[in-house]
Amino acid sequence: MHIVMEEGMRIRRDEFLKKLVEILYVRTDMEFKRGSFRVRGDSVEVFPAFLSTGGQDRILRDDIDAIHEFDRSQAQVEKVRSSFSINSHWYAPA
């Protein structure tokens, strides 16, 4: 129950958003907190459940154009990454 993203990876934005919902992330425009994501233009911002920093992916024409790790409290990019892994914040064993 995780998503691995890599720069240059081909994925439709709608498919990416659907995968986030499947691993129990919540779409929000208001309160950006752990386990949530928001969509702003060509960018999808994800706040992973177990990290203090968020990830911002820019998806252009079904390709991941760039991945940025950012400090959400200061709203500034900390570093550019070539890949980013998003894990589910909830797992219920069968």
N, C-alpha and C. Protein backbone atom coordinates (compact mmCIF):
# COMPACT_ATOMS: atom_id res chain seq x y z
N MET A 1 0.82 -1.17 0.00
CA MET A 1 0.00 0.00 0.00
C MET A 1 0.88 1.25 0.00
N HIS A 2 1.57 1.43 -1.11
CA HIS A 2 2.38 2.62 -1.27
C HIS A 2 2.50 2.99 -2.75
N ILE A 3 2.92 4.20 -2.98
CA ILE A 3 3.11 4.70 -4.34
C ILE A 3 4.55 5.19 -4.44
N VAL A 4 5.23 4.77 -5.48
CA VAL A 4 6.58 5.25 -5.75
C VAL A 4 6.49 6.12 -7.00
N MET A 5 7.01 7.32 -6.90
CA MET A 5 7.02 8.24 -8.03
C MET A 5 8.46 8.53 -8.40
N GLU A 6 8.70 8.62 -9.69
CA GLU A 6 10.03 8.95 -10.17
C GLU A 6 9.91 10.03 -11.23
N GLU A 7 10.88 10.92 -11.25
CA GLU A 7 10.90 11.96 -12.27
C GLU A 7 10.89 11.32 -13.66
N GLY A 8 10.04 11.81 -14.53
CA GLY A 8 9.92 11.28 -15.88
C GLY A 8 8.94 10.12 -16.00
N MET A 9 8.44 9.62 -14.88
CA MET A 9 7.49 8.51 -14.89
C MET A 9 6.20 8.93 -15.57
N ARG A 10 5.63 8.03 -16.36
CA ARG A 10 4.37 8.31 -17.04
C ARG A 10 3.21 7.87 -16.16
N ILE A 11 2.34 8.81 -15.84
CA ILE A 11 1.13 8.51 -15.07
C ILE A 11 0.13 9.63 -15.32
N ARG A 12 -1.09 9.25 -15.56
CA ARG A 12 -2.14 10.26 -15.72
C ARG A 12 -2.45 10.85 -14.36
N ARG A 13 -2.69 12.15 -14.31
CA ARG A 13 -2.96 12.82 -13.05
C ARG A 13 -4.16 12.20 -12.34
N ASP A 14 -5.23 11.91 -13.07
CA ASP A 14 -6.42 11.30 -12.47
C ASP A 14 -6.10 9.94 -11.86
N GLU A 15 -5.24 9.18 -12.53
CA GLU A 15 -4.84 7.87 -12.02
C GLU A 15 -4.03 8.03 -10.73
N PHE A 16 -3.14 9.01 -10.70
CA PHE A 16 -2.33 9.28 -9.51
C PHE A 16 -3.23 9.67 -8.33
N LEU A 17 -4.20 10.54 -8.58
CA LEU A 17 -5.12 10.96 -7.51
C LEU A 17 -5.95 9.77 -7.01
N LYS A 18 -6.37 8.92 -7.92
CA LYS A 18 -7.13 7.73 -7.53
C LYS A 18 -6.29 6.81 -6.64
N LYS A 19 -5.00 6.65 -6.97
CA LYS A 19 -4.12 5.80 -6.15
C LYS A 19 -3.94 6.39 -4.75
N LEU A 20 -3.86 7.71 -4.66
CA LEU A 20 -3.75 8.34 -3.34
C LEU A 20 -4.99 8.03 -2.49
N VAL A 21 -6.15 8.13 -3.10
CA VAL A 21 -7.40 7.84 -2.38
C VAL A 21 -7.44 6.36 -1.98
N GLU A 22 -6.96 5.47 -2.86
CA GLU A 22 -6.95 4.04 -2.56
C GLU A 22 -6.09 3.71 -1.34
N ILE A 23 -5.03 4.48 -1.11
CA ILE A 23 -4.21 4.21 0.08
C ILE A 23 -4.61 5.13 1.24
N LEU A 24 -5.85 5.62 1.15
CA LEU A 24 -6.54 6.33 2.23
C LEU A 24 -6.04 7.75 2.51
N TYR A 25 -5.50 8.41 1.49
CA TYR A 25 -5.19 9.83 1.63
C TYR A 25 -6.45 10.62 1.31
N VAL A 26 -6.59 11.77 1.92
CA VAL A 26 -7.78 12.59 1.79
C VAL A 26 -7.44 13.86 1.02
N ARG A 27 -8.26 14.17 0.02
CA ARG A 27 -8.06 15.40 -0.74
C ARG A 27 -8.64 16.57 0.05
N THR A 28 -7.86 17.65 0.14
CA THR A 28 -8.29 18.82 0.89
C THR A 28 -7.78 20.09 0.22
N ASP A 29 -8.50 21.15 0.41
CA ASP A 29 -8.03 22.46 -0.03
C ASP A 29 -7.84 23.36 1.18
N MET A 30 -8.32 22.93 2.32
CA MET A 30 -8.27 23.76 3.52
C MET A 30 -7.11 23.36 4.43
N GLU A 31 -7.32 22.36 5.25
CA GLU A 31 -6.33 21.97 6.25
C GLU A 31 -5.38 20.92 5.66
N PHE A 32 -4.15 21.33 5.37
CA PHE A 32 -3.15 20.44 4.79
C PHE A 32 -2.41 19.78 5.93
N LYS A 33 -2.72 18.51 6.18
CA LYS A 33 -2.12 17.79 7.30
C LYS A 33 -1.67 16.41 6.84
N ARG A 34 -1.01 15.68 7.71
CA ARG A 34 -0.51 14.35 7.38
C ARG A 34 -1.63 13.48 6.85
N GLY A 35 -1.31 12.73 5.81
CA GLY A 35 -2.30 11.84 5.22
C GLY A 35 -3.25 12.55 4.27
N SER A 36 -2.88 13.74 3.80
CA SER A 36 -3.75 14.47 2.88
C SER A 36 -2.98 14.92 1.64
N PHE A 37 -3.73 15.34 0.63
CA PHE A 37 -3.12 15.90 -0.57
C PHE A 37 -4.02 17.00 -1.10
N ARG A 38 -3.42 17.86 -1.91
CA ARG A 38 -4.20 18.92 -2.56
C ARG A 38 -3.68 19.12 -3.97
N VAL A 39 -4.56 19.63 -4.82
CA VAL A 39 -4.24 19.82 -6.22
C VAL A 39 -4.27 21.30 -6.51
N ARG A 40 -3.20 21.79 -7.11
CA ARG A 40 -3.08 23.21 -7.47
C ARG A 40 -2.51 23.30 -8.87
N GLY A 41 -3.40 23.52 -9.84
CA GLY A 41 -2.95 23.60 -11.23
C GLY A 41 -2.34 22.29 -11.68
N ASP A 42 -1.09 22.34 -12.17
CA ASP A 42 -0.39 21.13 -12.62
C ASP A 42 0.29 20.39 -11.48
N SER A 43 0.20 20.91 -10.27
CA SER A 43 0.90 20.33 -9.13
C SER A 43 -0.03 19.56 -8.21
N VAL A 44 0.50 18.47 -7.68
CA VAL A 44 -0.19 17.71 -6.63
C VAL A 44 0.73 17.75 -5.43
N GLU A 45 0.24 18.27 -4.32
CA GLU A 45 1.02 18.35 -3.08
C GLU A 45 0.52 17.27 -2.14
N VAL A 46 1.45 16.47 -1.65
CA VAL A 46 1.13 15.34 -0.78
C VAL A 46 1.85 15.53 0.54
N PHE A 47 1.12 15.37 1.64
CA PHE A 47 1.74 15.42 2.97
C PHE A 47 1.75 13.99 3.51
N PRO A 48 2.87 13.28 3.34
CA PRO A 48 2.94 11.89 3.77
C PRO A 48 2.65 11.73 5.27
N ALA A 49 2.12 10.59 5.60
CA ALA A 49 1.67 10.34 6.96
C ALA A 49 2.82 10.33 7.97
N PHE A 50 4.01 9.90 7.57
CA PHE A 50 5.08 9.72 8.54
C PHE A 50 6.27 10.64 8.34
N LEU A 51 6.10 11.73 7.61
CA LEU A 51 7.18 12.69 7.41
C LEU A 51 6.75 14.06 7.87
N SER A 52 7.71 14.88 8.23
CA SER A 52 7.38 16.25 8.63
C SER A 52 7.41 17.19 7.43
N THR A 53 7.92 16.70 6.30
CA THR A 53 7.94 17.50 5.09
C THR A 53 6.97 16.92 4.08
N GLY A 54 6.54 17.74 3.16
CA GLY A 54 5.62 17.28 2.12
C GLY A 54 6.33 17.13 0.81
N GLY A 55 5.62 16.57 -0.16
CA GLY A 55 6.17 16.42 -1.49
C GLY A 55 5.25 17.09 -2.50
N GLN A 56 5.83 17.72 -3.47
CA GLN A 56 5.05 18.37 -4.51
C GLN A 56 5.48 17.79 -5.84
N ASP A 57 4.52 17.27 -6.58
CA ASP A 57 4.79 16.69 -7.89
C ASP A 57 4.13 17.54 -8.94
N ARG A 58 4.86 17.84 -9.98
CA ARG A 58 4.27 18.57 -11.11
C ARG A 58 4.09 17.57 -12.24
N ILE A 59 2.86 17.37 -12.64
CA ILE A 59 2.55 16.40 -13.68
C ILE A 59 2.13 17.16 -14.94
N LEU A 60 2.93 17.04 -15.96
CA LEU A 60 2.65 17.71 -17.23
C LEU A 60 2.49 16.66 -18.32
N ARG A 61 1.38 16.72 -19.04
CA ARG A 61 1.12 15.79 -20.14
C ARG A 61 1.37 14.35 -19.74
N ASP A 62 0.87 13.95 -18.58
CA ASP A 62 0.94 12.57 -18.09
C ASP A 62 2.36 12.12 -17.73
N ASP A 63 3.29 13.05 -17.54
CA ASP A 63 4.64 12.72 -17.08
C ASP A 63 4.89 13.49 -15.78
N ILE A 64 5.59 12.86 -14.86
CA ILE A 64 6.01 13.58 -13.66
C ILE A 64 7.21 14.41 -14.06
N ASP A 65 7.00 15.70 -14.11
CA ASP A 65 8.01 16.64 -14.59
C ASP A 65 9.05 16.96 -13.52
N ALA A 66 8.61 17.08 -12.26
CA ALA A 66 9.53 17.43 -11.17
C ALA A 66 8.95 16.97 -9.85
N ILE A 67 9.83 16.66 -8.91
CA ILE A 67 9.43 16.28 -7.56
C ILE A 67 10.20 17.17 -6.60
N HIS A 68 9.49 17.88 -5.75
CA HIS A 68 10.11 18.77 -4.78
C HIS A 68 9.69 18.36 -3.37
N GLU A 69 10.63 18.37 -2.46
CA GLU A 69 10.32 18.18 -1.05
C GLU A 69 10.27 19.57 -0.43
N PHE A 70 9.22 19.83 0.34
CA PHE A 70 9.08 21.17 0.89
C PHE A 70 8.74 21.13 2.37
N ASP A 71 9.11 22.20 3.05
CA ASP A 71 8.78 22.40 4.45
C ASP A 71 7.42 23.09 4.49
N ARG A 72 6.41 22.38 4.93
CA ARG A 72 5.06 22.94 4.85
C ARG A 72 4.85 24.11 5.79
N SER A 73 5.59 24.17 6.89
CA SER A 73 5.41 25.28 7.83
C SER A 73 5.94 26.59 7.25
N GLN A 74 6.96 26.51 6.41
CA GLN A 74 7.53 27.71 5.82
C GLN A 74 7.17 27.85 4.34
N ALA A 75 6.50 26.83 3.80
CA ALA A 75 6.05 26.82 2.40
C ALA A 75 7.20 27.11 1.44
N GLN A 76 8.34 26.47 1.68
CA GLN A 76 9.47 26.66 0.77
C GLN A 76 10.08 25.31 0.42
N VAL A 77 10.60 25.23 -0.79
CA VAL A 77 11.22 23.99 -1.27
C VAL A 77 12.53 23.76 -0.54
N GLU A 78 12.68 22.55 0.00
CA GLU A 78 13.93 22.19 0.68
C GLU A 78 14.91 21.56 -0.29
N LYS A 79 14.41 20.67 -1.16
CA LYS A 79 15.29 20.05 -2.14
C LYS A 79 14.48 19.44 -3.28
N VAL A 80 15.15 19.25 -4.38
CA VAL A 80 14.57 18.59 -5.54
C VAL A 80 14.95 17.12 -5.45
N ARG A 81 13.99 16.26 -5.70
CA ARG A 81 14.25 14.82 -5.60
C ARG A 81 14.02 14.15 -6.94
N SER A 82 14.65 13.02 -7.15
CA SER A 82 14.43 12.26 -8.38
C SER A 82 13.34 11.20 -8.17
N SER A 83 13.05 10.88 -6.91
CA SER A 83 11.98 9.93 -6.60
C SER A 83 11.41 10.24 -5.22
N PHE A 84 10.21 9.71 -4.98
CA PHE A 84 9.53 9.96 -3.71
C PHE A 84 8.58 8.80 -3.48
N SER A 85 8.53 8.29 -2.27
CA SER A 85 7.65 7.18 -1.93
C SER A 85 6.59 7.65 -0.94
N ILE A 86 5.36 7.28 -1.20
CA ILE A 86 4.24 7.65 -0.33
C ILE A 86 3.65 6.36 0.22
N ASN A 87 3.67 6.24 1.54
CA ASN A 87 3.11 5.04 2.18
C ASN A 87 1.75 5.35 2.76
N SER A 88 0.95 4.30 2.84
CA SER A 88 -0.37 4.44 3.44
C SER A 88 -0.20 4.77 4.92
N HIS A 89 -1.07 5.59 5.45
CA HIS A 89 -1.00 5.90 6.86
C HIS A 89 -1.90 5.00 7.68
N TRP A 90 -2.53 4.03 6.99
CA TRP A 90 -3.41 3.11 7.70
C TRP A 90 -3.29 1.76 7.03
N TYR A 91 -3.09 0.73 7.84
CA TYR A 91 -3.01 -0.61 7.30
C TYR A 91 -3.74 -1.54 8.24
N ALA A 92 -4.72 -2.21 7.75
CA ALA A 92 -5.48 -3.16 8.56
C ALA A 92 -5.25 -4.56 7.99
N PRO A 93 -4.46 -5.39 8.69
CA PRO A 93 -4.19 -6.73 8.18
C PRO A 93 -5.47 -7.55 8.08
N ALA A 94 -5.50 -8.41 7.09
CA ALA A 94 -6.68 -9.27 6.88
C ALA A 94 -6.74 -10.40 7.87
